[in-house]
Amino acid sequence: MENKDSQHKREDEERDTAAEKEVQYAYENDNNDEIVEAAEDNEVEAEEKEQAPTSQTPASAAGGRSGGKAWIAVSAILAIVLIIVLIKPPFGGGTEAVATVNGVKISKDKLYDSLVKQGGTSTLDNMITQELIDQAAKDANVTVTEADIDKEIANLKKSFGSEDEFQQTLAQYGMTEDSLREDAGTQVTIRKILEPQVKVTDDEIKTYFDQNKASMATPAQIRASHILVATKEEAEAILKDLKGGADFATLAKEKSTDTGTKDKGGDLDFFPKGTMEAAFEDAAFALKVGELSGVVQTSYGYHIIKKTDEKAAVTPTLEDKKEDIKYQLVTQKVSELSSTWLADLKAKAKITNKLDPAAAADASASPEASADAGTNAEASPAADATK
C-alpha cells in the first residue's frame, strides 16, 4: 500500500515541479500571459490525471481540485521572487563582506549584482505594480479587512476536498496560510477597485446554475475510520479486541499500517461513492453509524472499518447557490478587466526604473505620462488611471 501511495505522491510532485518551473520562467521573462497559461496547463494536466482510472488508498480518498493548486503555485512563485532583498542602497557602495571563502571575501556589491541578475528586474517590476495598486486603492477609498481576506481564503478552500489537502498543498509549495493571505490581500484589493465596473445579471446567474447544476450537487457521503494490516490473522485479532471493548482510535494508532490516517485514529473524513476500492466502499456504505465491519480485503491489505457519520445527498436550488455564483462571475469578470487596467496604470504613471531604463523611458514618453507630468504634477497617477 505504501509503495503505491509513494509512487502517486512522487508523480504528483514531479508534475507540480514541472508546472512550477513553467510559471517561474514566465515571471522571469515578465510575461503575464505565460503566467496564466502555465497555471492553466498545470490545471488541465492535473484534471486529466484525476480522471484517469487510478487505485486510491483510503487515506487519499478526499480528492481536491487542481484550480486551487494552480492558484497556490502562482502565489508561491510570487513569494519566492519577492524574497530577494536589496541589501545595499541601489548603485551605492557595498564592499563589506557578507561571506568569506578561504580568506577571499564575497562583498555586498557582488551579492547584490548576482541577485539582480537572477530576478531583480522582475522583482522590482512586481514592486512597482504593487505600489500602483496601493495608490489606486487609496484614491478609490478602498480598504481590505481581515474579513475580506477570510472570505477569499474560504472560497479558495472550496476548491479542495478537505482542510488537510489544502494544508498539504501549501506545505508542498513551501507556503503557510499567512503567506497566502498576503497574496490574497492584493487579489481582494483589485477586486474591490474594479467590482463597481462589473455587472452580473440574474439571467447570467441562472444560466450558470443551469449549466453547472450537476457539479454543484453533493452526493451522499459517509465518514469512516479504518485499521489496515498486512494479514488476515492480524485483522481478526484486532477485530476481536474491538468487539471486546478496545478503543478503535487507540488501536489504529498502534496497529494500522496506513501512515496517512493512523495518527488520526484511522479517520478518513467524509467520502462519496466512487473514491475507494469497491470492496472497501461496499462494506463501509453498508454499515450503520457506529457499527464495525468484518475483515475486508483490498489490494492494500486487510481492513477493519468503523462508520462514524453520514450525510444525505444534497441537490441545491438556484436560491441556495445564487450568492456563490454571483461571486464567481464577478471574480471572472474582474480577472478579465484586471490586465488592461494594470496596463493603463503603468502607461499613465510616471515611473523611474534604474534596473530597466528602457521601460522607464517608454513610460515617460507616453502621451498620458507627459500630460500628467506637464499639466498636473501633483495628481496621483492611480487617480488618473481610475477615472
Protein backbone atom coordinates (compact mmCIF):
# COMPACT_ATOMS: atom_id res chain seq x y z
CA MET A 1 0.00 0.00 0.00
CA GLU A 2 2.75 2.42 0.95
CA ASN A 3 4.69 1.71 -2.26
CA LYS A 4 1.76 2.67 -4.50
CA ASP A 5 0.99 5.67 -2.33
CA SER A 6 4.60 6.86 -2.59
CA GLN A 7 4.55 6.38 -6.35
CA HIS A 8 1.41 8.51 -6.74
CA LYS A 9 2.88 11.17 -4.46
CA ARG A 10 6.14 11.25 -6.45
CA GLU A 11 4.26 11.59 -9.74
CA ASP A 12 2.20 14.48 -8.31
CA GLU A 13 5.36 16.20 -7.05
CA GLU A 14 7.12 15.79 -10.41
CA ARG A 15 4.13 17.23 -12.28
CA ASP A 16 3.78 20.16 -9.89
CA THR A 17 7.54 20.84 -10.03
CA ALA A 18 7.42 20.98 -13.82
CA ALA A 19 4.45 23.33 -13.70
CA GLU A 20 6.19 25.49 -11.13
CA LYS A 21 9.20 25.83 -13.45
CA GLU A 22 6.91 26.98 -16.26
CA VAL A 23 5.39 29.66 -14.05
CA GLN A 24 8.85 30.66 -12.79
CA TYR A 25 10.05 31.06 -16.40
CA ALA A 26 7.08 33.25 -17.16
CA TYR A 27 7.78 35.52 -14.19
CA GLU A 28 11.47 35.79 -15.02
CA ASN A 29 10.52 36.93 -18.54
CA ASP A 30 7.84 39.39 -17.33
CA ASN A 31 5.13 37.68 -19.34
CA ASN A 32 1.72 37.75 -17.64
CA ASP A 33 0.10 35.72 -20.40
CA GLU A 34 2.64 32.94 -19.89
CA ILE A 35 1.99 33.00 -16.14
CA VAL A 36 -1.69 32.38 -16.69
CA GLU A 37 -1.00 29.81 -19.42
CA ALA A 38 1.45 27.87 -17.24
CA ALA A 39 -1.01 27.78 -14.36
CA GLU A 40 -3.82 26.69 -16.67
CA ASP A 41 -1.63 23.94 -18.17
CA ASN A 42 -0.98 22.69 -14.66
CA GLU A 43 -4.72 22.62 -14.02
CA VAL A 44 -5.52 20.73 -17.24
CA GLU A 45 -2.81 18.12 -16.63
CA ALA A 46 -3.97 17.61 -13.05
CA GLU A 47 -7.60 17.22 -14.13
CA GLU A 48 -6.62 14.66 -16.76
CA LYS A 49 -4.73 12.71 -14.14
CA GLU A 50 -7.70 12.85 -11.76
CA GLN A 51 -9.98 11.48 -14.47
CA ALA A 52 -7.67 8.55 -15.21
CA PRO A 53 -8.66 5.25 -13.55
CA THR A 54 -6.22 5.01 -10.65
CA SER A 55 -6.35 2.99 -7.48
CA GLN A 56 -6.57 5.15 -4.37
CA THR A 57 -5.73 4.36 -0.81
CA PRO A 58 -8.48 5.14 1.66
CA ALA A 59 -6.27 7.84 3.13
CA SER A 60 -6.10 9.67 -0.21
CA ALA A 61 -9.79 9.44 -0.96
CA ALA A 62 -10.71 13.06 -0.36
CA GLY A 63 -9.53 14.33 -3.75
CA GLY A 64 -9.01 18.05 -4.35
CA ARG A 65 -9.33 20.18 -7.44
CA SER A 66 -6.34 21.42 -9.35
CA GLY A 67 -7.56 25.02 -9.78
CA GLY A 68 -6.70 25.71 -6.17
CA LYS A 69 -3.25 24.19 -6.68
CA ALA A 70 -2.62 26.46 -9.65
CA TRP A 71 -3.67 29.49 -7.58
CA ILE A 72 -1.26 28.48 -4.82
CA ALA A 73 1.50 27.66 -7.32
CA VAL A 74 1.41 31.20 -8.72
CA SER A 75 1.31 32.66 -5.21
CA ALA A 76 4.30 30.51 -4.23
CA ILE A 77 6.34 31.78 -7.19
CA LEU A 78 5.48 35.35 -6.24
CA ALA A 79 6.66 34.69 -2.72
CA ILE A 80 9.96 33.24 -3.99
CA VAL A 81 10.56 36.11 -6.42
CA LEU A 82 9.79 38.76 -3.82
CA ILE A 83 12.13 37.17 -1.27
CA ILE A 84 15.07 38.92 -2.99
CA VAL A 85 16.17 41.74 -0.67
CA LEU A 86 18.22 44.69 -1.87
CA ILE A 87 20.98 44.51 0.73
CA LYS A 88 22.51 47.88 -0.05
CA PRO A 89 21.31 51.20 -1.46
CA PRO A 90 20.94 50.75 -5.25
CA PHE A 91 24.11 51.61 -7.11
CA GLY A 92 25.83 52.81 -3.93
CA GLY A 93 28.87 51.46 -2.10
CA GLY A 94 28.83 47.99 -0.58
CA THR A 95 32.30 46.49 -0.20
CA GLU A 96 31.60 44.96 3.20
CA ALA A 97 31.98 41.18 3.14
CA VAL A 98 28.87 39.10 3.57
CA ALA A 99 30.89 35.87 3.42
CA THR A 100 34.48 34.69 3.07
CA VAL A 101 35.86 31.58 1.36
CA ASN A 102 39.40 30.65 2.40
CA GLY A 103 40.02 34.29 3.22
CA VAL A 104 38.56 35.62 -0.04
CA LYS A 105 35.58 37.87 0.66
CA ILE A 106 32.25 37.99 -1.13
CA SER A 107 31.05 41.56 -0.89
CA LYS A 108 27.59 43.05 -0.66
CA ASP A 109 28.19 44.52 -4.13
CA LYS A 110 28.79 41.08 -5.62
CA LEU A 111 25.82 39.52 -3.88
CA TYR A 112 23.55 42.40 -4.88
CA ASP A 113 24.64 42.21 -8.54
CA SER A 114 24.04 38.46 -8.55
CA LEU A 115 20.56 38.83 -7.05
CA VAL A 116 19.66 41.49 -9.60
CA LYS A 117 20.76 39.23 -12.47
CA GLN A 118 18.77 36.30 -11.10
CA GLY A 119 15.49 38.12 -10.69
CA GLY A 120 15.95 41.75 -9.77
CA THR A 121 14.18 43.18 -12.81
CA SER A 122 11.03 41.11 -12.40
CA THR A 123 11.05 41.64 -8.63
CA LEU A 124 11.27 45.39 -8.99
CA ASP A 125 8.56 45.34 -11.65
CA ASN A 126 6.30 43.45 -9.25
CA MET A 127 7.05 46.02 -6.54
CA ILE A 128 6.20 48.85 -8.93
CA THR A 129 2.94 47.13 -9.86
CA GLN A 130 2.08 46.64 -6.18
CA GLU A 131 2.74 50.32 -5.47
CA LEU A 132 0.46 51.33 -8.36
CA ILE A 133 -2.28 49.06 -6.97
CA ASP A 134 -1.83 50.55 -3.49
CA GLN A 135 -2.09 54.08 -4.90
CA ALA A 136 -5.20 53.17 -6.88
CA ALA A 137 -6.78 51.67 -3.75
CA LYS A 138 -6.06 54.83 -1.78
CA ASP A 139 -7.56 57.06 -4.49
CA ALA A 140 -10.65 54.83 -4.70
CA ASN A 141 -11.01 54.78 -0.88
CA VAL A 142 -10.67 51.00 -0.96
CA THR A 143 -9.62 49.18 2.18
CA VAL A 144 -9.21 45.46 2.69
CA THR A 145 -10.25 43.97 6.02
CA GLU A 146 -9.36 40.67 7.64
CA ALA A 147 -12.96 39.59 6.96
CA ASP A 148 -12.41 40.25 3.22
CA ILE A 149 -9.31 38.05 3.21
CA ASP A 150 -11.08 35.38 5.26
CA LYS A 151 -13.75 35.24 2.57
CA GLU A 152 -11.18 34.97 -0.22
CA ILE A 153 -9.35 32.13 1.53
CA ALA A 154 -12.65 30.37 2.30
CA ASN A 155 -13.57 30.46 -1.41
CA LEU A 156 -10.13 29.08 -2.31
CA LYS A 157 -10.51 26.25 0.20
CA LYS A 158 -13.75 25.20 -1.50
CA SER A 159 -11.65 24.03 -4.47
CA PHE A 160 -10.01 21.39 -2.27
CA GLY A 161 -11.51 18.19 -0.98
CA SER A 162 -10.60 18.85 2.65
CA GLU A 163 -8.74 21.14 5.02
CA ASP A 164 -5.95 18.56 5.22
CA GLU A 165 -5.41 18.60 1.47
CA PHE A 166 -5.39 22.41 1.44
CA GLN A 167 -2.70 22.47 4.15
CA GLN A 168 -0.68 19.73 2.42
CA THR A 169 -0.70 21.70 -0.84
CA LEU A 170 0.50 24.83 0.96
CA ALA A 171 3.33 22.81 2.52
CA GLN A 172 4.22 21.32 -0.87
CA TYR A 173 4.86 24.82 -2.23
CA GLY A 174 6.71 25.95 0.89
CA MET A 175 3.92 28.28 1.93
CA THR A 176 1.83 28.91 5.01
CA GLU A 177 -1.70 30.20 5.23
CA ASP A 178 -0.26 33.50 6.48
CA SER A 179 1.91 33.95 3.36
CA LEU A 180 -1.03 33.02 1.15
CA ARG A 181 -3.15 35.63 2.92
CA GLU A 182 -0.68 38.33 1.85
CA ASP A 183 -1.22 37.46 -1.82
CA ALA A 184 -4.96 37.22 -1.24
CA GLY A 185 -4.93 40.80 0.03
CA THR A 186 -3.74 42.02 -3.37
CA GLN A 187 -6.40 39.95 -5.14
CA VAL A 188 -9.12 41.40 -2.93
CA THR A 189 -7.83 44.95 -3.43
CA ILE A 190 -8.04 44.66 -7.23
CA ARG A 191 -11.47 43.08 -6.94
CA LYS A 192 -12.79 45.94 -4.79
CA ILE A 193 -11.40 48.59 -7.15
CA LEU A 194 -12.83 47.01 -10.30
CA GLU A 195 -16.05 45.48 -8.97
CA PRO A 196 -18.07 48.72 -9.44
CA GLN A 197 -17.36 48.37 -13.19
CA VAL A 198 -18.78 44.83 -13.26
CA LYS A 199 -22.43 43.90 -13.61
CA VAL A 200 -23.81 40.39 -13.19
CA THR A 201 -27.45 39.89 -14.17
CA ASP A 202 -29.96 37.40 -12.80
CA ASP A 203 -30.09 35.80 -16.26
CA GLU A 204 -26.32 35.18 -16.17
CA ILE A 205 -26.64 33.62 -12.72
CA LYS A 206 -29.48 31.35 -13.85
CA THR A 207 -27.58 30.30 -16.98
CA TYR A 208 -24.52 29.43 -14.93
CA PHE A 209 -26.66 27.45 -12.49
CA ASP A 210 -28.39 25.51 -15.25
CA GLN A 211 -25.08 24.65 -16.91
CA ASN A 212 -23.36 23.58 -13.68
CA LYS A 213 -26.22 22.17 -11.62
CA ALA A 214 -24.86 18.63 -11.68
CA SER A 215 -21.43 19.63 -10.39
CA MET A 216 -22.98 21.68 -7.58
CA ALA A 217 -24.92 18.71 -6.22
CA THR A 218 -23.36 16.86 -3.31
CA PRO A 219 -23.71 13.06 -3.36
CA ALA A 220 -24.41 11.01 -0.27
CA GLN A 221 -21.28 10.70 1.85
CA ILE A 222 -20.17 8.74 4.85
CA ARG A 223 -17.39 9.24 7.34
CA ALA A 224 -15.40 6.21 8.41
CA SER A 225 -12.23 5.15 10.18
CA HIS A 226 -10.18 2.10 9.36
CA ILE A 227 -7.31 -0.02 10.59
CA LEU A 228 -5.13 -1.56 7.88
CA VAL A 229 -2.81 -4.53 8.46
CA ALA A 230 -0.90 -6.95 6.24
CA THR A 231 -2.53 -10.27 7.15
CA LYS A 232 -5.98 -11.65 7.76
CA GLU A 233 -4.86 -13.12 11.06
CA GLU A 234 -3.76 -9.71 12.36
CA ALA A 235 -7.07 -8.18 11.29
CA GLU A 236 -9.10 -10.90 13.00
CA ALA A 237 -7.14 -10.44 16.23
CA ILE A 238 -7.76 -6.68 16.15
CA LEU A 239 -11.46 -7.19 15.40
CA LYS A 240 -11.71 -9.50 18.43
CA ASP A 241 -10.11 -6.82 20.63
CA LEU A 242 -12.52 -4.19 19.31
CA LYS A 243 -15.54 -6.36 20.00
CA GLY A 244 -14.15 -6.87 23.49
CA GLY A 245 -14.28 -3.13 24.14
CA ALA A 246 -10.88 -1.84 22.92
CA ASP A 247 -10.79 1.75 21.68
CA PHE A 248 -10.75 1.96 17.85
CA ALA A 249 -8.62 5.13 17.62
CA THR A 250 -6.04 3.77 20.06
CA LEU A 251 -5.67 0.50 18.14
CA ALA A 252 -5.45 2.39 14.83
CA LYS A 253 -2.52 4.43 16.16
CA GLU A 254 -0.81 1.31 17.46
CA LYS A 255 -1.54 -1.23 14.72
CA SER A 256 -2.52 0.39 11.42
CA THR A 257 0.00 0.44 8.58
CA ASP A 258 -1.80 3.32 6.83
CA THR A 259 0.59 6.15 7.66
CA GLY A 260 -1.82 8.71 6.25
CA THR A 261 -4.55 8.02 8.82
CA LYS A 262 -3.12 6.10 11.79
CA ASP A 263 -2.16 9.24 13.73
CA LYS A 264 -5.74 10.47 13.32
CA GLY A 265 -7.14 7.27 14.79
CA GLY A 266 -7.78 5.89 11.31
CA ASP A 267 -10.17 8.71 10.37
CA LEU A 268 -10.81 9.01 6.61
CA ASP A 269 -13.11 12.03 6.83
CA PHE A 270 -16.21 12.13 4.59
CA PHE A 271 -16.15 10.49 1.17
CA PRO A 272 -18.75 9.67 -1.51
CA LYS A 273 -19.09 6.51 -3.56
CA GLY A 274 -16.59 6.11 -6.36
CA THR A 275 -13.47 7.12 -4.44
CA MET A 276 -12.44 3.83 -2.82
CA GLU A 277 -11.83 0.28 -3.97
CA ALA A 278 -15.15 -1.46 -4.45
CA ALA A 279 -14.72 -3.99 -1.63
CA PHE A 280 -13.85 -1.27 0.90
CA GLU A 281 -16.60 1.05 -0.30
CA ASP A 282 -19.33 -1.59 -0.37
CA ALA A 283 -18.52 -2.67 3.19
CA ALA A 284 -18.32 0.90 4.53
CA PHE A 285 -21.57 2.12 2.98
CA ALA A 286 -23.44 -0.99 4.21
CA LEU A 287 -22.67 -0.16 7.86
CA LYS A 288 -24.83 1.77 10.29
CA VAL A 289 -23.27 4.70 12.14
CA GLY A 290 -21.14 3.32 14.98
CA GLU A 291 -21.06 -0.20 13.52
CA LEU A 292 -17.89 -2.24 12.83
CA SER A 293 -17.28 -4.22 9.64
CA GLY A 294 -15.82 -7.67 9.46
CA VAL A 295 -12.38 -8.15 7.93
CA VAL A 296 -12.35 -6.53 4.48
CA GLN A 297 -9.66 -7.39 1.93
CA THR A 298 -8.42 -4.93 -0.72
CA SER A 299 -5.25 -4.71 -2.79
CA TYR A 300 -3.66 -2.83 0.13
CA GLY A 301 -4.23 -5.47 2.76
CA TYR A 302 -6.88 -6.24 5.36
CA HIS A 303 -9.12 -3.60 6.91
CA ILE A 304 -11.49 -3.22 9.82
CA ILE A 305 -13.86 -0.32 9.15
CA LYS A 306 -15.97 1.73 11.53
CA LYS A 307 -18.65 4.04 10.15
CA THR A 308 -18.75 7.22 12.23
CA ASP A 309 -21.13 9.60 10.42
CA GLU A 310 -23.15 10.11 7.23
CA LYS A 311 -24.54 12.92 5.06
CA ALA A 312 -27.52 12.67 2.75
CA ALA A 313 -27.23 13.75 -0.88
CA VAL A 314 -27.97 17.44 -1.46
CA THR A 315 -29.31 18.96 -4.67
CA PRO A 316 -29.07 22.75 -4.28
CA THR A 317 -31.62 25.21 -5.60
CA LEU A 318 -30.83 28.36 -7.54
CA GLU A 319 -31.59 30.38 -4.41
CA ASP A 320 -29.12 28.27 -2.40
CA LYS A 321 -26.29 28.98 -4.84
CA LYS A 322 -27.15 32.45 -6.06
CA GLU A 323 -24.60 34.34 -3.95
CA ASP A 324 -21.81 31.84 -4.62
CA ILE A 325 -22.45 32.01 -8.35
CA LYS A 326 -22.53 35.79 -8.33
CA TYR A 327 -19.20 35.85 -6.50
CA GLN A 328 -17.65 33.53 -9.09
CA LEU A 329 -18.97 35.51 -12.05
CA VAL A 330 -17.80 38.82 -10.57
CA THR A 331 -14.37 37.28 -9.95
CA GLN A 332 -14.21 36.08 -13.55
CA LYS A 333 -15.15 39.49 -14.97
CA VAL A 334 -12.72 41.31 -12.67
CA SER A 335 -9.98 38.96 -13.84
CA GLU A 336 -10.77 39.81 -17.46
CA LEU A 337 -10.59 43.55 -16.68
CA SER A 338 -7.50 43.48 -14.48
CA SER A 339 -4.82 43.02 -17.16
CA THR A 340 -5.87 46.06 -19.20
CA TRP A 341 -6.45 48.04 -16.01
CA LEU A 342 -2.93 47.32 -14.78
CA ALA A 343 -1.51 48.16 -18.20
CA ASP A 344 -3.34 51.51 -18.09
CA LEU A 345 -1.97 52.22 -14.62
CA LYS A 346 1.57 51.69 -15.86
CA ALA A 347 1.04 53.66 -19.06
CA LYS A 348 -0.27 56.71 -17.22
CA ALA A 349 2.18 56.60 -14.32
CA LYS A 350 5.50 58.45 -14.12
CA ILE A 351 7.92 55.63 -13.32
CA THR A 352 11.69 55.68 -12.96
CA ASN A 353 13.28 52.26 -13.02
CA LYS A 354 17.07 52.14 -12.83
CA LEU A 355 17.11 48.40 -13.44
CA ASP A 356 15.19 48.80 -16.70
CA PRO A 357 15.88 52.24 -18.20
CA ALA A 358 14.16 51.35 -21.49
CA ALA A 359 10.87 50.62 -19.74
CA ALA A 360 11.11 53.85 -17.79
CA ALA A 361 11.81 55.81 -20.97
CA ASP A 362 8.81 54.25 -22.70
CA ALA A 363 6.55 55.06 -19.76
CA SER A 364 7.79 58.66 -19.54
CA ALA A 365 7.38 59.15 -23.28
CA SER A 366 3.74 58.04 -23.33
CA PRO A 367 1.22 60.82 -24.09
CA GLU A 368 -0.64 60.09 -20.86
CA ALA A 369 2.51 60.30 -18.73
CA SER A 370 3.62 63.51 -20.45
CA ALA A 371 0.24 65.11 -19.89
CA ASP A 372 0.23 64.10 -16.23
CA ALA A 373 3.72 65.43 -15.67
CA GLY A 374 3.21 68.68 -17.55
CA THR A 375 -0.26 69.76 -16.51
CA ASN A 376 -0.93 68.16 -13.15
CA ALA A 377 2.29 67.26 -11.40
CA GLU A 378 0.55 66.88 -8.05
CA ALA A 379 -2.14 64.46 -9.28
CA SER A 380 -1.86 60.78 -8.35
CA PRO A 381 -1.17 58.55 -11.37
CA ALA A 382 -3.51 55.97 -9.91
CA ALA A 383 -6.27 58.52 -9.63
CA ASP A 384 -5.91 59.43 -13.31
CA ALA A 385 -5.97 55.77 -14.29
CA THR A 386 -9.15 55.01 -12.40
CA LYS A 387 -11.24 57.93 -13.62
